[in-house]
Every structure is written in C-alpha cells, then in structure tokens.
Amino acid sequence: MNDAEPVLKASTSGAVLTLAIHQATINTEDALRMQNEFRALLLSLPTKVQAVHLEISEVLAMSSRGFETLLLIHQSCQERKISLTVSNLTPIFHRLISRMGFLRLLKIEGA
C-alpha cells in the first residue's frame, strides 16, 4: 500500500489549496489512502489557506468509504472555516452525488 500512487495531488497557489483526484474508481483502499493523505495535508497546511478546491475530473464511481472521505474533507474545512469548492465532475459522478444527497452539502463549481 505504501508504494501506491497518491490518490490526491495537491498544490497551493496563494490562499487556495487545490486537491485533484484523477482516478476513475475510488475503492475502499483508495478512500483510506485519500483520508490519510488529506489528514497529512491538514497538518502541514499553511495558515494562509482560506479555500480548498477539490477537482474530481475523472471519477465515475466511489465506494461508501469514498463518500465518507468526502464528508471528512467537508467537515474538516468547515471546522477550520475554509471554503470548499468541488469542480470538474463527470456527468456520471454528478448524478451519483446528487442521488446520494451531496449536492446539499458541497458547493459545486459550474453546477
């Protein structure tokens, strides 16, 4: 599991932390890695970061643990008063998060 590619690719620009997920399917193992990667990022997050931009450009399917990870990211941002925006959703994934009720929680860019 340690040799696996990171699920999240992170970059910062000014006060914005951009997290990109570039996998078609997020299974339980991927979701657990994503949670650990996000927690590590939070520990090293510069205090100037005021926004997290989550790009989900290729995700078509996600396990329940993946959705739990989205909730964790959402809650962590809220606790730190950091805005969270999700963008670049595939139409399939947009329909899926809509059915799961996530559209009420997440600010979707371009929706």
PDB file of N, CA and C in Angstrom:
ATOM      1  N   MET A   1       0.824  -1.183   0.000  1.00  0.00           N
ATOM      2  CA  MET A   1       0.000   0.000   0.000  1.00  0.00           C
ATOM      3  C   MET A   1       0.871   1.251   0.000  1.00  0.00           C
ATOM      4  N   ASN A   2       2.047   1.226   0.577  1.00  0.00           N
ATOM      5  CA  ASN A   2       2.911   2.392   0.607  1.00  0.00           C
ATOM      6  C   ASN A   2       3.462   2.756  -0.753  1.00  0.00           C
ATOM      7  N   ASP A   3       3.594   1.772  -1.658  1.00  0.00           N
ATOM      8  CA  ASP A   3       4.137   2.028  -2.981  1.00  0.00           C
ATOM      9  C   ASP A   3       3.099   2.567  -3.952  1.00  0.00           C
ATOM     10  N   ALA A   4       1.853   2.616  -3.551  1.00  0.00           N
ATOM     11  CA  ALA A   4       0.774   3.045  -4.437  1.00  0.00           C
ATOM     12  C   ALA A   4       0.876   4.539  -4.717  1.00  0.00           C
ATOM     13  N   GLU A   5       0.408   4.912  -5.887  1.00  0.00           N
ATOM     14  CA  GLU A   5       0.353   6.335  -6.260  1.00  0.00           C
ATOM     15  C   GLU A   5      -0.567   7.070  -5.300  1.00  0.00           C
ATOM     16  N   PRO A   6      -0.253   8.324  -4.977  1.00  0.00           N
ATOM     17  CA  PRO A   6      -1.171   9.104  -4.139  1.00  0.00           C
ATOM     18  C   PRO A   6      -2.524   9.261  -4.840  1.00  0.00           C
ATOM     19  N   VAL A   7      -3.576   9.259  -4.054  1.00  0.00           N
ATOM     20  CA  VAL A   7      -4.912   9.467  -4.610  1.00  0.00           C
ATOM     21  C   VAL A   7      -5.137  10.960  -4.826  1.00  0.00           C
ATOM     22  N   LEU A   8      -4.618  11.783  -3.915  1.00  0.00           N
ATOM     23  CA  LEU A   8      -4.761  13.234  -4.015  1.00  0.00           C
ATOM     24  C   LEU A   8      -3.461  13.847  -4.524  1.00  0.00           C
ATOM     25  N   LYS A   9      -3.589  14.714  -5.479  1.00  0.00           N
ATOM     26  CA  LYS A   9      -2.455  15.513  -5.924  1.00  0.00           C
ATOM     27  C   LYS A   9      -2.736  16.936  -5.448  1.00  0.00           C
ATOM     28  N   ALA A  10      -1.828  17.471  -4.667  1.00  0.00           N
ATOM     29  CA  ALA A  10      -2.063  18.767  -4.021  1.00  0.00           C
ATOM     30  C   ALA A  10      -1.114  19.829  -4.556  1.00  0.00           C
ATOM     31  N   SER A  11      -1.644  21.038  -4.653  1.00  0.00           N
ATOM     32  CA  SER A  11      -0.830  22.204  -4.982  1.00  0.00           C
ATOM     33  C   SER A  11      -1.467  23.413  -4.312  1.00  0.00           C
ATOM     34  N   THR A  12      -0.644  24.407  -4.000  1.00  0.00           N
ATOM     35  CA  THR A  12      -1.172  25.631  -3.411  1.00  0.00           C
ATOM     36  C   THR A  12      -0.801  26.813  -4.288  1.00  0.00           C
ATOM     37  N   SER A  13      -1.715  27.731  -4.322  1.00  0.00           N
ATOM     38  CA  SER A  13      -1.497  28.985  -5.032  1.00  0.00           C
ATOM     39  C   SER A  13      -2.123  30.079  -4.183  1.00  0.00           C
ATOM     40  N   GLY A  14      -1.275  30.853  -3.543  1.00  0.00           N
ATOM     41  CA  GLY A  14      -1.794  31.886  -2.658  1.00  0.00           C
ATOM     42  C   GLY A  14      -2.550  31.273  -1.501  1.00  0.00           C
ATOM     43  N   ALA A  15      -3.810  31.647  -1.358  1.00  0.00           N
ATOM     44  CA  ALA A  15      -4.640  31.173  -0.251  1.00  0.00           C
ATOM     45  C   ALA A  15      -5.494  29.968  -0.627  1.00  0.00           C
ATOM     46  N   VAL A  16      -5.229  29.349  -1.803  1.00  0.00           N
ATOM     47  CA  VAL A  16      -6.050  28.234  -2.283  1.00  0.00           C
ATOM     48  C   VAL A  16      -5.228  26.949  -2.346  1.00  0.00           C
ATOM     49  N   LEU A  17      -5.746  25.916  -1.697  1.00  0.00           N
ATOM     50  CA  LEU A  17      -5.185  24.576  -1.796  1.00  0.00           C
ATOM     51  C   LEU A  17      -6.024  23.821  -2.818  1.00  0.00           C
ATOM     52  N   THR A  18      -5.388  23.345  -3.879  1.00  0.00           N
ATOM     53  CA  THR A  18      -6.093  22.565  -4.888  1.00  0.00           C
ATOM     54  C   THR A  18      -5.751  21.098  -4.698  1.00  0.00           C
ATOM     55  N   LEU A  19      -6.787  20.288  -4.575  1.00  0.00           N
ATOM     56  CA  LEU A  19      -6.649  18.837  -4.465  1.00  0.00           C
ATOM     57  C   LEU A  19      -7.290  18.223  -5.697  1.00  0.00           C
ATOM     58  N   ALA A  20      -6.562  17.378  -6.385  1.00  0.00           N
ATOM     59  CA  ALA A  20      -7.092  16.749  -7.595  1.00  0.00           C
ATOM     60  C   ALA A  20      -7.139  15.243  -7.413  1.00  0.00           C
ATOM     61  N   ILE A  21      -8.272  14.662  -7.774  1.00  0.00           N
ATOM     62  CA  ILE A  21      -8.435  13.209  -7.784  1.00  0.00           C
ATOM     63  C   ILE A  21      -8.500  12.801  -9.256  1.00  0.00           C
ATOM     64  N   HIS A  22      -7.560  11.974  -9.674  1.00  0.00           N
ATOM     65  CA  HIS A  22      -7.525  11.572 -11.078  1.00  0.00           C
ATOM     66  C   HIS A  22      -7.591  10.049 -11.214  1.00  0.00           C
ATOM     67  N   GLN A  23      -8.604   9.463 -10.636  1.00  0.00           N
ATOM     68  CA  GLN A  23      -8.842   8.033 -10.753  1.00  0.00           C
ATOM     69  C   GLN A  23     -10.300   7.841 -11.133  1.00  0.00           C
ATOM     70  N   ALA A  24     -10.572   6.839 -11.950  1.00  0.00           N
ATOM     71  CA  ALA A  24     -11.943   6.594 -12.378  1.00  0.00           C
ATOM     72  C   ALA A  24     -12.790   5.979 -11.260  1.00  0.00           C
ATOM     73  N   THR A  25     -12.177   5.143 -10.449  1.00  0.00           N
ATOM     74  CA  THR A  25     -12.897   4.463  -9.386  1.00  0.00           C
ATOM     75  C   THR A  25     -12.140   4.632  -8.075  1.00  0.00           C
ATOM     76  N   ILE A  26     -12.868   5.027  -7.044  1.00  0.00           N
ATOM     77  CA  ILE A  26     -12.284   5.134  -5.705  1.00  0.00           C
ATOM     78  C   ILE A  26     -12.856   3.989  -4.875  1.00  0.00           C
ATOM     79  N   ASN A  27     -12.037   2.947  -4.674  1.00  0.00           N
ATOM     80  CA  ASN A  27     -12.483   1.819  -3.864  1.00  0.00           C
ATOM     81  C   ASN A  27     -12.140   2.093  -2.403  1.00  0.00           C
ATOM     82  N   THR A  28     -12.395   1.138  -1.534  1.00  0.00           N
ATOM     83  CA  THR A  28     -12.168   1.333  -0.107  1.00  0.00           C
ATOM     84  C   THR A  28     -10.705   1.625   0.201  1.00  0.00           C
ATOM     85  N   GLU A  29      -9.796   0.890  -0.409  1.00  0.00           N
ATOM     86  CA  GLU A  29      -8.364   1.104  -0.171  1.00  0.00           C
ATOM     87  C   GLU A  29      -7.937   2.505  -0.618  1.00  0.00           C
ATOM     88  N   ASP A  30      -8.403   2.914  -1.795  1.00  0.00           N
ATOM     89  CA  ASP A  30      -8.093   4.260  -2.286  1.00  0.00           C
ATOM     90  C   ASP A  30      -8.642   5.323  -1.337  1.00  0.00           C
ATOM     91  N   ALA A  31      -9.864   5.104  -0.856  1.00  0.00           N
ATOM     92  CA  ALA A  31     -10.500   6.076   0.040  1.00  0.00           C
ATOM     93  C   ALA A  31      -9.733   6.205   1.351  1.00  0.00           C
ATOM     94  N   LEU A  32      -9.261   5.092   1.883  1.00  0.00           N
ATOM     95  CA  LEU A  32      -8.477   5.142   3.120  1.00  0.00           C
ATOM     96  C   LEU A  32      -7.164   5.889   2.887  1.00  0.00           C
ATOM     97  N   ARG A  33      -6.527   5.647   1.746  1.00  0.00           N
ATOM     98  CA  ARG A  33      -5.307   6.389   1.421  1.00  0.00           C
ATOM     99  C   ARG A  33      -5.615   7.872   1.277  1.00  0.00           C
ATOM    100  N   MET A  34      -6.751   8.186   0.637  1.00  0.00           N
ATOM    101  CA  MET A  34      -7.142   9.582   0.451  1.00  0.00           C
ATOM    102  C   MET A  34      -7.375  10.253   1.805  1.00  0.00           C
ATOM    103  N   GLN A  35      -8.002   9.551   2.749  1.00  0.00           N
ATOM    104  CA  GLN A  35      -8.207  10.108   4.089  1.00  0.00           C
ATOM    105  C   GLN A  35      -6.871  10.409   4.755  1.00  0.00           C
ATOM    106  N   ASN A  36      -5.943   9.458   4.682  1.00  0.00           N
ATOM    107  CA  ASN A  36      -4.626   9.654   5.296  1.00  0.00           C
ATOM    108  C   ASN A  36      -3.870  10.794   4.634  1.00  0.00           C
ATOM    109  N   GLU A  37      -3.943  10.877   3.317  1.00  0.00           N
ATOM    110  CA  GLU A  37      -3.275  11.959   2.594  1.00  0.00           C
ATOM    111  C   GLU A  37      -3.871  13.310   2.980  1.00  0.00           C
ATOM    112  N   PHE A  38      -5.199  13.379   3.100  1.00  0.00           N
ATOM    113  CA  PHE A  38      -5.847  14.632   3.466  1.00  0.00           C
ATOM    114  C   PHE A  38      -5.473  15.041   4.884  1.00  0.00           C
ATOM    115  N   ARG A  39      -5.469  14.090   5.814  1.00  0.00           N
ATOM    116  CA  ARG A  39      -5.080  14.397   7.199  1.00  0.00           C
ATOM    117  C   ARG A  39      -3.642  14.923   7.258  1.00  0.00           C
ATOM    118  N   ALA A  40      -2.753  14.301   6.498  1.00  0.00           N
ATOM    119  CA  ALA A  40      -1.359  14.767   6.465  1.00  0.00           C
ATOM    120  C   ALA A  40      -1.279  16.178   5.892  1.00  0.00           C
ATOM    121  N   LEU A  41      -2.067  16.451   4.861  1.00  0.00           N
ATOM    122  CA  LEU A  41      -2.090  17.799   4.284  1.00  0.00           C
ATOM    123  C   LEU A  41      -2.579  18.821   5.299  1.00  0.00           C
ATOM    124  N   LEU A  42      -3.601  18.463   6.074  1.00  0.00           N
ATOM    125  CA  LEU A  42      -4.133  19.389   7.085  1.00  0.00           C
ATOM    126  C   LEU A  42      -3.074  19.744   8.121  1.00  0.00           C
ATOM    127  N   LEU A  43      -2.267  18.772   8.487  1.00  0.00           N
ATOM    128  CA  LEU A  43      -1.225  19.022   9.486  1.00  0.00           C
ATOM    129  C   LEU A  43      -0.151  19.974   8.964  1.00  0.00           C
ATOM    130  N   SER A  44       0.072  19.947   7.659  1.00  0.00           N
ATOM    131  CA  SER A  44       1.116  20.798   7.082  1.00  0.00           C
ATOM    132  C   SER A  44       0.543  22.022   6.369  1.00  0.00           C
ATOM    133  N   LEU A  45      -0.751  22.239   6.507  1.00  0.00           N
ATOM    134  CA  LEU A  45      -1.425  23.321   5.786  1.00  0.00           C
ATOM    135  C   LEU A  45      -0.964  24.688   6.271  1.00  0.00           C
ATOM    136  N   PRO A  46      -0.524  25.527   5.344  1.00  0.00           N
ATOM    137  CA  PRO A  46      -0.161  26.890   5.749  1.00  0.00           C
ATOM    138  C   PRO A  46      -1.389  27.621   6.290  1.00  0.00           C
ATOM    139  N   THR A  47      -1.177  28.458   7.292  1.00  0.00           N
ATOM    140  CA  THR A  47      -2.301  29.156   7.918  1.00  0.00           C
ATOM    141  C   THR A  47      -2.976  30.136   6.960  1.00  0.00           C
ATOM    142  N   LYS A  48      -2.297  30.521   5.907  1.00  0.00           N
ATOM    143  CA  LYS A  48      -2.888  31.480   4.976  1.00  0.00           C
ATOM    144  C   LYS A  48      -3.942  30.857   4.053  1.00  0.00           C
ATOM    145  N   VAL A  49      -4.044  29.523   4.004  1.00  0.00           N
ATOM    146  CA  VAL A  49      -5.016  28.875   3.123  1.00  0.00           C
ATOM    147  C   VAL A  49      -6.427  29.166   3.615  1.00  0.00           C
ATOM    148  N   GLN A  50      -7.233  29.724   2.727  1.00  0.00           N
ATOM    149  CA  GLN A  50      -8.615  30.072   3.052  1.00  0.00           C
ATOM    150  C   GLN A  50      -9.629  29.283   2.241  1.00  0.00           C
ATOM    151  N   ALA A  51      -9.139  28.546   1.236  1.00  0.00           N
ATOM    152  CA  ALA A  51     -10.060  27.803   0.377  1.00  0.00           C
ATOM    153  C   ALA A  51      -9.418  26.505  -0.090  1.00  0.00           C
ATOM    154  N   VAL A  52     -10.261  25.478  -0.204  1.00  0.00           N
ATOM    155  CA  VAL A  52      -9.847  24.207  -0.785  1.00  0.00           C
ATOM    156  C   VAL A  52     -10.686  24.011  -2.030  1.00  0.00           C
ATOM    157  N   HIS A  53      -9.995  23.711  -3.116  1.00  0.00           N
ATOM    158  CA  HIS A  53     -10.642  23.463  -4.402  1.00  0.00           C
ATOM    159  C   HIS A  53     -10.395  21.994  -4.727  1.00  0.00           C
ATOM    160  N   LEU A  54     -11.457  21.183  -4.734  1.00  0.00           N
ATOM    161  CA  LEU A  54     -11.352  19.745  -4.981  1.00  0.00           C
ATOM    162  C   LEU A  54     -11.781  19.460  -6.419  1.00  0.00           C
ATOM    163  N   GLU A  55     -10.837  19.028  -7.236  1.00  0.00           N
ATOM    164  CA  GLU A  55     -11.115  18.705  -8.638  1.00  0.00           C
ATOM    165  C   GLU A  55     -11.335  17.199  -8.772  1.00  0.00           C
ATOM    166  N   ILE A  56     -12.498  16.863  -9.288  1.00  0.00           N
ATOM    167  CA  ILE A  56     -12.858  15.451  -9.455  1.00  0.00           C
ATOM    168  C   ILE A  56     -13.142  15.227 -10.939  1.00  0.00           C
ATOM    169  N   SER A  57     -12.087  15.233 -11.725  1.00  0.00           N
ATOM    170  CA  SER A  57     -12.259  15.261 -13.176  1.00  0.00           C
ATOM    171  C   SER A  57     -12.501  13.911 -13.830  1.00  0.00           C
ATOM    172  N   GLU A  58     -12.108  12.824 -13.170  1.00  0.00           N
ATOM    173  CA  GLU A  58     -12.222  11.529 -13.831  1.00  0.00           C
ATOM    174  C   GLU A  58     -13.025  10.496 -13.054  1.00  0.00           C
ATOM    175  N   VAL A  59     -13.503  10.846 -11.877  1.00  0.00           N
ATOM    176  CA  VAL A  59     -14.180   9.863 -11.023  1.00  0.00           C
ATOM    177  C   VAL A  59     -15.540   9.503 -11.604  1.00  0.00           C
ATOM    178  N   LEU A  60     -15.738   8.199 -11.764  1.00  0.00           N
ATOM    179  CA  LEU A  60     -17.020   7.678 -12.248  1.00  0.00           C
ATOM    180  C   LEU A  60     -17.759   6.914 -11.155  1.00  0.00           C
ATOM    181  N   ALA A  61     -17.006   6.330 -10.222  1.00  0.00           N
ATOM    182  CA  ALA A  61     -17.610   5.532  -9.159  1.00  0.00           C
ATOM    183  C   ALA A  61     -16.793   5.682  -7.889  1.00  0.00           C
ATOM    184  N   MET A  62     -17.486   5.524  -6.756  1.00  0.00           N
ATOM    185  CA  MET A  62     -16.826   5.696  -5.473  1.00  0.00           C
ATOM    186  C   MET A  62     -17.488   4.775  -4.459  1.00  0.00           C
ATOM    187  N   SER A  63     -16.676   4.131  -3.646  1.00  0.00           N
ATOM    188  CA  SER A  63     -17.201   3.273  -2.588  1.00  0.00           C
ATOM    189  C   SER A  63     -17.823   4.126  -1.488  1.00  0.00           C
ATOM    190  N   SER A  64     -18.530   3.466  -0.585  1.00  0.00           N
ATOM    191  CA  SER A  64     -19.116   4.205   0.536  1.00  0.00           C
ATOM    192  C   SER A  64     -18.023   4.856   1.373  1.00  0.00           C
ATOM    193  N   ARG A  65     -16.862   4.227   1.468  1.00  0.00           N
ATOM    194  CA  ARG A  65     -15.739   4.823   2.201  1.00  0.00           C
ATOM    195  C   ARG A  65     -15.254   6.082   1.492  1.00  0.00           C
ATOM    196  N   GLY A  66     -15.350   6.109   0.165  1.00  0.00           N
ATOM    197  CA  GLY A  66     -15.003   7.315  -0.583  1.00  0.00           C
ATOM    198  C   GLY A  66     -15.934   8.466  -0.253  1.00  0.00           C
ATOM    199  N   PHE A  67     -17.231   8.165  -0.155  1.00  0.00           N
ATOM    200  CA  PHE A  67     -18.191   9.209   0.223  1.00  0.00           C
ATOM    201  C   PHE A  67     -17.956   9.671   1.657  1.00  0.00           C
ATOM    202  N   GLU A  68     -17.566   8.737   2.521  1.00  0.00           N
ATOM    203  CA  GLU A  68     -17.216   9.105   3.888  1.00  0.00           C
ATOM    204  C   GLU A  68     -16.020  10.060   3.878  1.00  0.00           C
ATOM    205  N   THR A  69     -15.083   9.837   2.982  1.00  0.00           N
ATOM    206  CA  THR A  69     -13.915  10.715   2.862  1.00  0.00           C
ATOM    207  C   THR A  69     -14.327  12.104   2.392  1.00  0.00           C
ATOM    208  N   LEU A  70     -15.264  12.178   1.452  1.00  0.00           N
ATOM    209  CA  LEU A  70     -15.774  13.490   1.039  1.00  0.00           C
ATOM    210  C   LEU A  70     -16.394  14.227   2.220  1.00  0.00           C
ATOM    211  N   LEU A  71     -17.127  13.497   3.056  1.00  0.00           N
ATOM    212  CA  LEU A  71     -17.707  14.110   4.257  1.00  0.00           C
ATOM    213  C   LEU A  71     -16.618  14.593   5.212  1.00  0.00           C
ATOM    214  N   LEU A  72     -15.575  13.789   5.376  1.00  0.00           N
ATOM    215  CA  LEU A  72     -14.460  14.171   6.233  1.00  0.00           C
ATOM    216  C   LEU A  72     -13.811  15.458   5.727  1.00  0.00           C
ATOM    217  N   ILE A  73     -13.584  15.543   4.443  1.00  0.00           N
ATOM    218  CA  ILE A  73     -12.987  16.747   3.853  1.00  0.00           C
ATOM    219  C   ILE A  73     -13.899  17.945   4.087  1.00  0.00           C
ATOM    220  N   HIS A  74     -15.190  17.761   3.835  1.00  0.00           N
ATOM    221  CA  HIS A  74     -16.174  18.832   4.037  1.00  0.00           C
ATOM    222  C   HIS A  74     -16.170  19.309   5.496  1.00  0.00           C
ATOM    223  N   GLN A  75     -16.254  18.370   6.435  1.00  0.00           N
ATOM    224  CA  GLN A  75     -16.307  18.722   7.856  1.00  0.00           C
ATOM    225  C   GLN A  75     -15.011  19.377   8.323  1.00  0.00           C
ATOM    226  N   SER A  76     -13.885  18.862   7.865  1.00  0.00           N
ATOM    227  CA  SER A  76     -12.590  19.440   8.259  1.00  0.00           C
ATOM    228  C   SER A  76     -12.465  20.878   7.782  1.00  0.00           C
ATOM    229  N   CYS A  77     -12.923  21.132   6.566  1.00  0.00           N
ATOM    230  CA  CYS A  77     -12.885  22.505   6.046  1.00  0.00           C
ATOM    231  C   CYS A  77     -13.811  23.411   6.849  1.00  0.00           C
ATOM    232  N   GLN A  78     -15.018  22.934   7.156  1.00  0.00           N
ATOM    233  CA  GLN A  78     -15.953  23.734   7.949  1.00  0.00           C
ATOM    234  C   GLN A  78     -15.373  24.074   9.316  1.00  0.00           C
ATOM    235  N   GLU A  79     -14.764  23.078   9.980  1.00  0.00           N
ATOM    236  CA  GLU A  79     -14.184  23.304  11.312  1.00  0.00           C
ATOM    237  C   GLU A  79     -13.099  24.372  11.279  1.00  0.00           C
ATOM    238  N   ARG A  80     -12.378  24.449  10.173  1.00  0.00           N
ATOM    239  CA  ARG A  80     -11.277  25.402  10.052  1.00  0.00           C
ATOM    240  C   ARG A  80     -11.695  26.698   9.348  1.00  0.00           C
ATOM    241  N   LYS A  81     -13.005  26.805   9.073  1.00  0.00           N
ATOM    242  CA  LYS A  81     -13.548  27.980   8.378  1.00  0.00           C
ATOM    243  C   LYS A  81     -12.851  28.223   7.037  1.00  0.00           C
ATOM    244  N   ILE A  82     -12.632  27.111   6.324  1.00  0.00           N
ATOM    245  CA  ILE A  82     -12.037  27.134   4.991  1.00  0.00           C
ATOM    246  C   ILE A  82     -13.145  26.770   4.006  1.00  0.00           C
ATOM    247  N   SER A  83     -13.305  27.566   2.960  1.00  0.00           N
ATOM    248  CA  SER A  83     -14.341  27.244   1.983  1.00  0.00           C
ATOM    249  C   SER A  83     -13.903  26.048   1.134  1.00  0.00           C
ATOM    250  N   LEU A  84     -14.859  25.233   0.748  1.00  0.00           N
ATOM    251  CA  LEU A  84     -14.609  24.050  -0.073  1.00  0.00           C
ATOM    252  C   LEU A  84     -15.447  24.151  -1.335  1.00  0.00           C
ATOM    253  N   THR A  85     -14.793  24.036  -2.473  1.00  0.00           N
ATOM    254  CA  THR A  85     -15.474  24.029  -3.760  1.00  0.00           C
ATOM    255  C   THR A  85     -15.065  22.770  -4.505  1.00  0.00           C
ATOM    256  N   VAL A  86     -16.039  22.105  -5.104  1.00  0.00           N
ATOM    257  CA  VAL A  86     -15.788  20.899  -5.888  1.00  0.00           C
ATOM    258  C   VAL A  86     -16.047  21.243  -7.352  1.00  0.00           C
ATOM    259  N   SER A  87     -15.156  20.778  -8.222  1.00  0.00           N
ATOM    260  CA  SER A  87     -15.331  21.114  -9.643  1.00  0.00           C
ATOM    261  C   SER A  87     -14.939  19.949 -10.546  1.00  0.00           C
ATOM    262  N   ASN A  88     -15.228  20.137 -11.819  1.00  0.00           N
ATOM    263  CA  ASN A  88     -14.856  19.204 -12.889  1.00  0.00           C
ATOM    264  C   ASN A  88     -15.441  17.811 -12.702  1.00  0.00           C
ATOM    265  N   LEU A  89     -16.663  17.732 -12.204  1.00  0.00           N
ATOM    266  CA  LEU A  89     -17.306  16.437 -12.035  1.00  0.00           C
ATOM    267  C   LEU A  89     -17.741  15.895 -13.394  1.00  0.00           C
ATOM    268  N   THR A  90     -17.550  14.598 -13.581  1.00  0.00           N
ATOM    269  CA  THR A  90     -18.090  13.963 -14.771  1.00  0.00           C
ATOM    270  C   THR A  90     -19.610  13.935 -14.617  1.00  0.00           C
ATOM    271  N   PRO A  91     -20.341  13.928 -15.720  1.00  0.00           N
ATOM    272  CA  PRO A  91     -21.809  13.856 -15.607  1.00  0.00           C
ATOM    273  C   PRO A  91     -22.278  12.642 -14.801  1.00  0.00           C
ATOM    274  N   ILE A  92     -21.604  11.521 -14.961  1.00  0.00           N
ATOM    275  CA  ILE A  92     -21.986  10.306 -14.230  1.00  0.00           C
ATOM    276  C   ILE A  92     -21.799  10.514 -12.729  1.00  0.00           C
ATOM    277  N   PHE A  93     -20.662  11.074 -12.334  1.00  0.00           N
ATOM    278  CA  PHE A  93     -20.406  11.283 -10.915  1.00  0.00           C
ATOM    279  C   PHE A  93     -21.306  12.370 -10.336  1.00  0.00           C
ATOM    280  N   HIS A  94     -21.618  13.373 -11.130  1.00  0.00           N
ATOM    281  CA  HIS A  94     -22.542  14.421 -10.678  1.00  0.00           C
ATOM    282  C   HIS A  94     -23.900  13.810 -10.353  1.00  0.00           C
ATOM    283  N   ARG A  95     -24.396  12.926 -11.222  1.00  0.00           N
ATOM    284  CA  ARG A  95     -25.676  12.259 -10.951  1.00  0.00           C
ATOM    285  C   ARG A  95     -25.586  11.402  -9.694  1.00  0.00           C
ATOM    286  N   LEU A  96     -24.454  10.736  -9.516  1.00  0.00           N
ATOM    287  CA  LEU A  96     -24.277   9.874  -8.352  1.00  0.00           C
ATOM    288  C   LEU A  96     -24.287  10.683  -7.056  1.00  0.00           C
ATOM    289  N   ILE A  97     -23.546  11.785  -7.000  1.00  0.00           N
ATOM    290  CA  ILE A  97     -23.548  12.566  -5.755  1.00  0.00           C
ATOM    291  C   ILE A  97     -24.888  13.256  -5.538  1.00  0.00           C
ATOM    292  N   SER A  98     -25.588  13.526  -6.620  1.00  0.00           N
ATOM    293  CA  SER A  98     -26.929  14.089  -6.488  1.00  0.00           C
ATOM    294  C   SER A  98     -27.849  13.080  -5.812  1.00  0.00           C
ATOM    295  N   ARG A  99     -27.812  11.832  -6.268  1.00  0.00           N
ATOM    296  CA  ARG A  99     -28.645  10.778  -5.673  1.00  0.00           C
ATOM    297  C   ARG A  99     -28.276  10.512  -4.222  1.00  0.00           C
ATOM    298  N   MET A 100     -27.010  10.697  -3.894  1.00  0.00           N
ATOM    299  CA  MET A 100     -26.537  10.446  -2.528  1.00  0.00           C
ATOM    300  C   MET A 100     -26.827  11.630  -1.598  1.00  0.00           C
ATOM    301  N   GLY A 101     -27.311  12.754  -2.136  1.00  0.00           N
ATOM    302  CA  GLY A 101     -27.653  13.914  -1.314  1.00  0.00           C
ATOM    303  C   GLY A 101     -26.499  14.863  -1.048  1.00  0.00           C
ATOM    304  N   PHE A 102     -25.390  14.687  -1.746  1.00  0.00           N
ATOM    305  CA  PHE A 102     -24.220  15.520  -1.505  1.00  0.00           C
ATOM    306  C   PHE A 102     -24.331  16.907  -2.112  1.00  0.00           C
ATOM    307  N   LEU A 103     -25.244  17.123  -3.020  1.00  0.00           N
ATOM    308  CA  LEU A 103     -25.379  18.447  -3.618  1.00  0.00           C
ATOM    309  C   LEU A 103     -25.812  19.481  -2.583  1.00  0.00           C
ATOM    310  N   ARG A 104     -26.481  19.025  -1.528  1.00  0.00           N
ATOM    311  CA  ARG A 104     -26.887  19.941  -0.456  1.00  0.00           C
ATOM    312  C   ARG A 104     -25.707  20.362   0.409  1.00  0.00           C
ATOM    313  N   LEU A 105     -24.667  19.525   0.461  1.00  0.00           N
ATOM    314  CA  LEU A 105     -23.525  19.801   1.320  1.00  0.00           C
ATOM    315  C   LEU A 105     -22.395  20.537   0.600  1.00  0.00           C
ATOM    316  N   LEU A 106     -22.162  20.157  -0.630  1.00  0.00           N
ATOM    317  CA  LEU A 106     -20.990  20.627  -1.342  1.00  0.00           C
ATOM    318  C   LEU A 106     -21.312  21.775  -2.280  1.00  0.00           C
ATOM    319  N   LYS A 107     -20.411  22.733  -2.346  1.00  0.00           N
ATOM    320  CA  LYS A 107     -20.534  23.811  -3.328  1.00  0.00           C
ATOM    321  C   LYS A 107     -19.886  23.292  -4.604  1.00  0.00           C
ATOM    322  N   ILE A 108     -20.712  23.117  -5.643  1.00  0.00           N
ATOM    323  CA  ILE A 108     -20.236  22.572  -6.906  1.00  0.00           C
ATOM    324  C   ILE A 108     -20.025  23.714  -7.880  1.00  0.00           C
ATOM    325  N   GLU A 109     -18.798  23.876  -8.327  1.00  0.00           N
ATOM    326  CA  GLU A 109     -18.475  24.931  -9.290  1.00  0.00           C
ATOM    327  C   GLU A 109     -19.021  24.540 -10.663  1.00  0.00           C
ATOM    328  N   GLY A 110     -19.722  25.469 -11.280  1.00  0.00           N
ATOM    329  CA  GLY A 110     -20.257  25.216 -12.611  1.00  0.00           C
ATOM    330  C   GLY A 110     -21.556  24.440 -12.616  1.00  0.00           C
ATOM    331  N   ALA A 111     -22.161  24.223 -11.439  1.00  0.00           N
ATOM    332  CA  ALA A 111     -23.432  23.478 -11.382  1.00  0.00           C
ATOM    333  C   ALA A 111     -24.603  24.439 -11.358  1.00  0.00           C
TER     334      ALA A 111
END
